[in-house]
């Protein structure tokens, strides 16, 4: 199972970056939910990570803040 991190630098609530599962409605294997969006315009998908631990470790090293995960990470 793959995981991605989305870093949306234009998010008003700044709940970004956030870890998502590959099959999340927001993620779509790192393509996002807006197929007509210009990639990189508002943010970037980072990954895939093979294991959730890899995504969490990268998140901590890169963003050095509180870990933020989509609900999809905890739903099986």
C-alpha atoms as a PDB file:
ATOM      1  CA  UNK A   1       0.000   0.000   0.000  1.00  0.00           C
ATOM      2  CA  UNK A   2       1.413   3.393  -0.969  1.00  0.00           C
ATOM      3  CA  UNK A   3       1.199   6.685   0.866  1.00  0.00           C
ATOM      4  CA  UNK A   4       1.661  10.242  -0.359  1.00  0.00           C
ATOM      5  CA  UNK A   5       2.156  13.592   1.338  1.00  0.00           C
ATOM      6  CA  UNK A   6       0.361  16.606  -0.073  1.00  0.00           C
ATOM      7  CA  UNK A   7       1.908  19.969   0.700  1.00  0.00           C
ATOM      8  CA  UNK A   8      -0.580  22.695  -0.224  1.00  0.00           C
ATOM      9  CA  UNK A   9       1.160  26.012   0.312  1.00  0.00           C
ATOM     10  CA  UNK A  10      -1.975  27.979  -0.562  1.00  0.00           C
ATOM     11  CA  UNK A  11      -4.280  26.286   1.975  1.00  0.00           C
ATOM     12  CA  UNK A  12      -5.997  28.913   4.114  1.00  0.00           C
ATOM     13  CA  UNK A  13      -6.211  26.628   7.147  1.00  0.00           C
ATOM     14  CA  UNK A  14      -2.596  25.445   6.758  1.00  0.00           C
ATOM     15  CA  UNK A  15      -3.568  21.896   7.718  1.00  0.00           C
ATOM     16  CA  UNK A  16      -1.141  20.978   5.019  1.00  0.00           C
ATOM     17  CA  UNK A  17       1.062  19.035   4.593  1.00  0.00           C
ATOM     18  CA  UNK A  18      -0.975  15.893   5.112  1.00  0.00           C
ATOM     19  CA  UNK A  19      -0.348  12.168   4.602  1.00  0.00           C
ATOM     20  CA  UNK A  20      -2.849  10.283   2.405  1.00  0.00           C
ATOM     21  CA  UNK A  21      -3.341   6.692   1.238  1.00  0.00           C
ATOM     22  CA  UNK A  22      -2.969   6.110  -2.502  1.00  0.00           C
ATOM     23  CA  UNK A  23      -6.689   5.315  -2.905  1.00  0.00           C
ATOM     24  CA  UNK A  24      -7.962   8.325  -0.959  1.00  0.00           C
ATOM     25  CA  UNK A  25     -10.493  10.500  -2.789  1.00  0.00           C
ATOM     26  CA  UNK A  26      -8.119  13.433  -2.405  1.00  0.00           C
ATOM     27  CA  UNK A  27      -4.979  11.593  -3.506  1.00  0.00           C
ATOM     28  CA  UNK A  28      -5.779   9.363  -6.509  1.00  0.00           C
ATOM     29  CA  UNK A  29      -2.252   7.901  -6.559  1.00  0.00           C
ATOM     30  CA  UNK A  30      -0.614  11.312  -6.290  1.00  0.00           C
ATOM     31  CA  UNK A  31      -2.636  12.997  -9.038  1.00  0.00           C
ATOM     32  CA  UNK A  32      -5.075  14.763  -6.733  1.00  0.00           C
ATOM     33  CA  UNK A  33      -8.801  15.251  -7.105  1.00  0.00           C
ATOM     34  CA  UNK A  34      -8.742  17.955  -9.772  1.00  0.00           C
ATOM     35  CA  UNK A  35      -7.602  16.364 -13.006  1.00  0.00           C
ATOM     36  CA  UNK A  36      -7.616  19.706 -14.840  1.00  0.00           C
ATOM     37  CA  UNK A  37      -5.500  21.508 -12.217  1.00  0.00           C
ATOM     38  CA  UNK A  38      -2.022  22.714 -13.116  1.00  0.00           C
ATOM     39  CA  UNK A  39       0.343  20.450 -11.240  1.00  0.00           C
ATOM     40  CA  UNK A  40       2.311  22.408  -8.662  1.00  0.00           C
ATOM     41  CA  UNK A  41       0.108  25.494  -8.847  1.00  0.00           C
ATOM     42  CA  UNK A  42      -1.206  25.181  -5.289  1.00  0.00           C
ATOM     43  CA  UNK A  43       0.924  22.390  -3.905  1.00  0.00           C
ATOM     44  CA  UNK A  44       2.755  19.178  -4.603  1.00  0.00           C
ATOM     45  CA  UNK A  45       2.266  15.443  -4.018  1.00  0.00           C
ATOM     46  CA  UNK A  46       5.348  13.795  -2.526  1.00  0.00           C
ATOM     47  CA  UNK A  47       5.764  10.043  -2.791  1.00  0.00           C
ATOM     48  CA  UNK A  48       4.879   7.283  -3.068  1.00  0.00           C
ATOM     49  CA  UNK A  49       6.094   5.787   0.185  1.00  0.00           C
ATOM     50  CA  UNK A  50       5.775   1.998   0.488  1.00  0.00           C
ATOM     51  CA  UNK A  51       5.090   2.034   4.221  1.00  0.00           C
ATOM     52  CA  UNK A  52       3.300   4.512   6.470  1.00  0.00           C
ATOM     53  CA  UNK A  53       6.419   4.667   8.659  1.00  0.00           C
ATOM     54  CA  UNK A  54       8.451   5.922   5.673  1.00  0.00           C
ATOM     55  CA  UNK A  55       5.909   8.661   5.009  1.00  0.00           C
ATOM     56  CA  UNK A  56       5.845   9.646   8.678  1.00  0.00           C
ATOM     57  CA  UNK A  57       9.639   9.746   8.914  1.00  0.00           C
ATOM     58  CA  UNK A  58       9.930  11.859   5.766  1.00  0.00           C
ATOM     59  CA  UNK A  59       7.190  14.170   7.060  1.00  0.00           C
ATOM     60  CA  UNK A  60       9.058  14.727  10.338  1.00  0.00           C
ATOM     61  CA  UNK A  61      12.388  15.345   8.593  1.00  0.00           C
ATOM     62  CA  UNK A  62      10.989  17.651   5.906  1.00  0.00           C
ATOM     63  CA  UNK A  63       8.336  19.638   7.771  1.00  0.00           C
ATOM     64  CA  UNK A  64       9.485  19.391  11.398  1.00  0.00           C
ATOM     65  CA  UNK A  65       5.994  19.966  12.765  1.00  0.00           C
ATOM     66  CA  UNK A  66       2.997  18.101  14.123  1.00  0.00           C
ATOM     67  CA  UNK A  67       2.138  15.035  12.066  1.00  0.00           C
ATOM     68  CA  UNK A  68      -1.040  15.539  10.049  1.00  0.00           C
ATOM     69  CA  UNK A  69      -2.788  12.530   8.511  1.00  0.00           C
ATOM     70  CA  UNK A  70      -5.958  12.251   6.452  1.00  0.00           C
ATOM     71  CA  UNK A  71      -8.702  10.055   7.925  1.00  0.00           C
ATOM     72  CA  UNK A  72      -8.057   7.626   5.059  1.00  0.00           C
ATOM     73  CA  UNK A  73      -4.778   6.584   6.716  1.00  0.00           C
ATOM     74  CA  UNK A  74      -6.663   5.165   9.687  1.00  0.00           C
ATOM     75  CA  UNK A  75      -9.532   3.565   7.748  1.00  0.00           C
ATOM     76  CA  UNK A  76      -8.913   0.028   6.591  1.00  0.00           C
END
